[in-house]
Amino acid sequence: MLFKLTEKDGLWKKIRNHVGTTVEHPVSQATREIRSRISDEGVKRSVSVCPYCAVGCSTLVYHRDGRIIDIEGNPDSPINAGTLCPKGSATFGMHVSPYRWTKVRYRRPYSSEWEDLTLEEALDMIADRLKKTRDETWQDRDEDGKKLNRSKAVASIGGATIDNEENYLITKLFHTMGFTRITNQARI
């Protein structure tokens, strides 16, 4: 055998002597001491779900003092086993981008200007309009007395980013507003 790994200094001594280098180790001490930022003191890890499609890939979100440090796939997830698609891999960038809107933007009817609203103002406006529409268009029963509990002017439109938990909350919201599930049943 050309190199004996059982010698005192092993293979690195043989290579160092052969190449003629005087470096003790190929990787500097400073480089060997580098640790990832997610292993710093005070960094917490939370399990979350990717915000994009409805697959529900699990992510690990590393954060400290209210700031996200890194997001990666969760290797313990039976859904994605630690992998993320390109969009899921870009989740960190979405959260920390300086171009991300962090305020509610609103353009009043017939206005050409946008204005910033607080989240509380925007939610109050939505709630007021929803209640007004529900009250004005509510149908308790049809002309035959069949229970309806509906408003044809209020609806929920979903999208690919809505997961089971969000659908559950939307259903709870509609039930809280008095809506019931309508089924078409044949009359006997």
Protein backbone atom coordinates (compact mmCIF):
# COMPACT_ATOMS: atom_id res chain seq x y z
CA MET A 1 0.00 0.00 0.00
CA LEU A 2 1.35 3.41 -0.98
CA PHE A 3 -0.03 5.32 2.00
CA LYS A 4 -0.40 3.84 5.42
CA LEU A 5 -3.26 5.49 7.26
CA THR A 6 -2.15 3.97 10.52
CA GLU A 7 0.96 6.12 10.81
CA LYS A 8 1.14 8.77 13.51
CA ASP A 9 0.17 11.74 11.27
CA GLY A 10 -1.67 9.66 8.68
CA LEU A 11 -2.43 10.51 5.09
CA TRP A 12 -2.14 14.30 5.46
CA LYS A 13 1.55 14.00 6.44
CA LYS A 14 2.25 11.90 3.35
CA ILE A 15 0.45 14.35 1.05
CA ARG A 16 2.09 17.38 2.70
CA ASN A 17 5.54 15.86 2.27
CA HIS A 18 4.81 14.83 -1.32
CA VAL A 19 3.45 18.23 -2.39
CA GLY A 20 6.05 20.13 -0.43
CA THR A 21 3.67 22.33 1.53
CA THR A 22 4.42 23.58 4.99
CA VAL A 23 0.79 24.21 5.92
CA GLU A 24 -0.27 22.21 8.95
CA HIS A 25 -3.86 21.72 7.76
CA PRO A 26 -5.60 22.51 4.45
CA VAL A 27 -8.41 24.44 6.19
CA SER A 28 -7.47 27.41 8.35
CA GLN A 29 -8.31 27.44 12.04
CA ALA A 30 -10.61 30.45 11.52
CA THR A 31 -12.55 28.59 8.83
CA ARG A 32 -12.83 25.48 11.01
CA GLU A 33 -14.36 27.60 13.80
CA ILE A 34 -17.08 29.15 11.62
CA ARG A 35 -20.59 28.19 12.68
CA SER A 36 -23.83 28.89 10.87
CA ARG A 37 -25.94 31.80 12.09
CA ILE A 38 -28.74 29.41 13.04
CA SER A 39 -26.52 27.91 15.73
CA ASP A 40 -25.87 31.30 17.40
CA GLU A 41 -27.07 31.81 20.95
CA GLY A 42 -30.61 33.13 21.23
CA VAL A 43 -31.77 31.74 17.88
CA LYS A 44 -35.10 29.94 18.16
CA ARG A 45 -36.58 27.46 15.71
CA SER A 46 -40.26 27.23 14.83
CA VAL A 47 -42.02 24.73 12.61
CA SER A 48 -44.19 26.36 9.97
CA VAL A 49 -45.82 25.71 6.60
CA CYS A 50 -44.71 27.07 3.23
CA PRO A 51 -47.09 29.88 2.18
CA TYR A 52 -47.32 29.06 -1.51
CA CYS A 53 -49.22 26.08 -2.90
CA ALA A 54 -51.66 23.90 -0.96
CA VAL A 55 -49.28 20.93 -0.65
CA GLY A 56 -48.38 21.99 2.90
CA CYS A 57 -44.61 21.52 2.90
CA SER A 58 -43.18 21.93 6.37
CA THR A 59 -40.48 24.52 7.02
CA LEU A 60 -38.16 25.38 9.86
CA VAL A 61 -38.07 29.10 10.59
CA TYR A 62 -35.06 30.34 12.55
CA HIS A 63 -35.60 33.65 14.32
CA ARG A 64 -34.10 35.91 16.98
CA ASP A 65 -35.58 39.03 18.57
CA GLY A 66 -38.57 39.01 16.22
CA ARG A 67 -36.48 38.80 13.04
CA ILE A 68 -36.31 35.84 10.68
CA ILE A 69 -32.75 34.63 10.15
CA ASP A 70 -33.31 31.64 7.86
CA ILE A 71 -36.03 29.36 6.50
CA GLU A 72 -35.36 25.83 5.31
CA GLY A 73 -37.27 22.63 4.60
CA ASN A 74 -38.17 20.44 7.58
CA PRO A 75 -36.43 17.05 7.28
CA ASP A 76 -38.93 15.52 9.75
CA SER A 77 -41.90 16.26 7.47
CA PRO A 78 -43.53 13.24 5.79
CA ILE A 79 -44.74 15.59 3.03
CA ASN A 80 -41.50 17.16 1.80
CA ALA A 81 -38.76 15.41 3.85
CA GLY A 82 -36.74 18.62 4.05
CA THR A 83 -36.99 19.59 0.39
CA LEU A 84 -38.58 22.77 -0.95
CA CYS A 85 -39.46 23.79 -4.49
CA PRO A 86 -37.89 26.98 -5.90
CA LYS A 87 -40.77 29.11 -4.62
CA GLY A 88 -40.61 27.55 -1.17
CA SER A 89 -36.84 28.04 -1.11
CA ALA A 90 -37.41 31.75 -1.77
CA THR A 91 -39.70 32.18 1.26
CA PHE A 92 -36.94 33.80 3.30
CA GLY A 93 -36.40 36.39 0.55
CA MET A 94 -40.10 37.11 0.45
CA HIS A 95 -40.11 37.93 4.17
CA VAL A 96 -36.99 40.08 4.28
CA SER A 97 -37.22 41.82 0.90
CA PRO A 98 -37.03 45.63 1.15
CA TYR A 99 -39.69 45.74 -1.60
CA ARG A 100 -42.24 43.80 0.44
CA TRP A 101 -45.34 45.82 1.27
CA THR A 102 -45.74 46.04 5.03
CA LYS A 103 -48.65 48.48 5.12
CA VAL A 104 -52.23 48.28 3.94
CA ARG A 105 -52.65 50.31 0.75
CA TYR A 106 -56.12 51.67 -0.02
CA ARG A 107 -57.53 53.70 -2.87
CA ARG A 108 -60.88 55.27 -2.06
CA PRO A 109 -63.65 55.18 -4.69
CA TYR A 110 -63.02 57.67 -7.52
CA SER A 111 -59.63 58.62 -6.10
CA SER A 112 -56.43 58.53 -8.12
CA GLU A 113 -54.22 58.34 -5.01
CA TRP A 114 -53.31 55.45 -2.72
CA GLU A 115 -53.13 55.97 1.04
CA ASP A 116 -51.66 53.94 3.87
CA LEU A 117 -54.02 52.51 6.47
CA THR A 118 -53.27 50.70 9.68
CA LEU A 119 -54.24 47.05 9.77
CA GLU A 120 -56.90 47.85 12.38
CA GLU A 121 -58.48 50.50 10.13
CA ALA A 122 -58.53 48.12 7.16
CA LEU A 123 -60.04 45.25 9.17
CA ASP A 124 -62.71 47.57 10.61
CA MET A 125 -63.63 48.73 7.08
CA ILE A 126 -63.91 45.14 5.87
CA ALA A 127 -66.01 44.11 8.88
CA ASP A 128 -68.36 47.10 8.48
CA ARG A 129 -68.89 46.44 4.77
CA LEU A 130 -69.38 42.73 5.31
CA LYS A 131 -71.98 43.29 8.04
CA LYS A 132 -73.80 45.94 6.01
CA THR A 133 -73.94 43.66 2.93
CA ARG A 134 -75.06 40.66 5.00
CA ASP A 135 -77.80 42.67 6.74
CA GLU A 136 -79.11 44.13 3.46
CA THR A 137 -79.15 40.84 1.53
CA TRP A 138 -79.86 38.21 4.20
CA GLN A 139 -82.41 35.44 3.43
CA ASP A 140 -83.67 33.42 6.40
CA ARG A 141 -86.14 31.28 4.45
CA ASP A 142 -87.41 30.82 0.92
CA GLU A 143 -91.02 31.34 -0.18
CA ASP A 144 -91.88 27.75 0.88
CA GLY A 145 -90.51 28.29 4.38
CA LYS A 146 -87.38 26.20 3.81
CA LYS A 147 -84.46 27.38 5.96
CA LEU A 148 -81.78 29.14 3.90
CA ASN A 149 -79.54 31.28 6.15
CA ARG A 150 -77.71 32.80 3.21
CA SER A 151 -76.73 35.92 1.37
CA LYS A 152 -76.05 35.72 -2.32
CA ALA A 153 -73.96 38.89 -2.04
CA VAL A 154 -71.27 37.39 0.24
CA ALA A 155 -68.83 34.73 -0.92
CA SER A 156 -65.35 33.42 -0.33
CA ILE A 157 -63.01 32.87 -3.22
CA GLY A 158 -60.12 30.53 -2.56
CA GLY A 159 -56.78 30.09 -4.24
CA ALA A 160 -53.86 27.71 -4.45
CA THR A 161 -52.27 29.17 -1.34
CA ILE A 162 -55.14 28.36 1.00
CA ASP A 163 -54.38 25.31 3.14
CA ASN A 164 -56.71 23.20 5.31
CA GLU A 165 -56.22 25.37 8.37
CA GLU A 166 -57.19 28.54 6.50
CA ASN A 167 -60.21 26.81 4.95
CA TYR A 168 -61.27 25.74 8.44
CA LEU A 169 -61.01 29.35 9.69
CA ILE A 170 -62.98 30.65 6.70
CA THR A 171 -65.70 28.08 7.41
CA LYS A 172 -65.77 29.14 11.06
CA LEU A 173 -66.00 32.81 10.01
CA PHE A 174 -69.02 32.11 7.80
CA HIS A 175 -70.72 30.01 10.49
CA THR A 176 -70.13 32.84 13.00
CA MET A 177 -71.91 35.21 10.61
CA GLY A 178 -74.90 32.85 10.56
CA PHE A 179 -74.33 31.10 7.26
CA THR A 180 -75.14 27.40 7.13
CA ARG A 181 -74.21 24.76 4.62
CA ILE A 182 -76.71 24.56 1.79
CA THR A 183 -77.33 21.18 0.19
CA ASN A 184 -79.64 20.36 -2.66
CA GLN A 185 -81.94 17.61 -1.50
CA ALA A 186 -84.71 16.09 -3.52
CA ARG A 187 -88.12 16.60 -1.95
CA ILE A 188 -90.03 13.44 -1.24
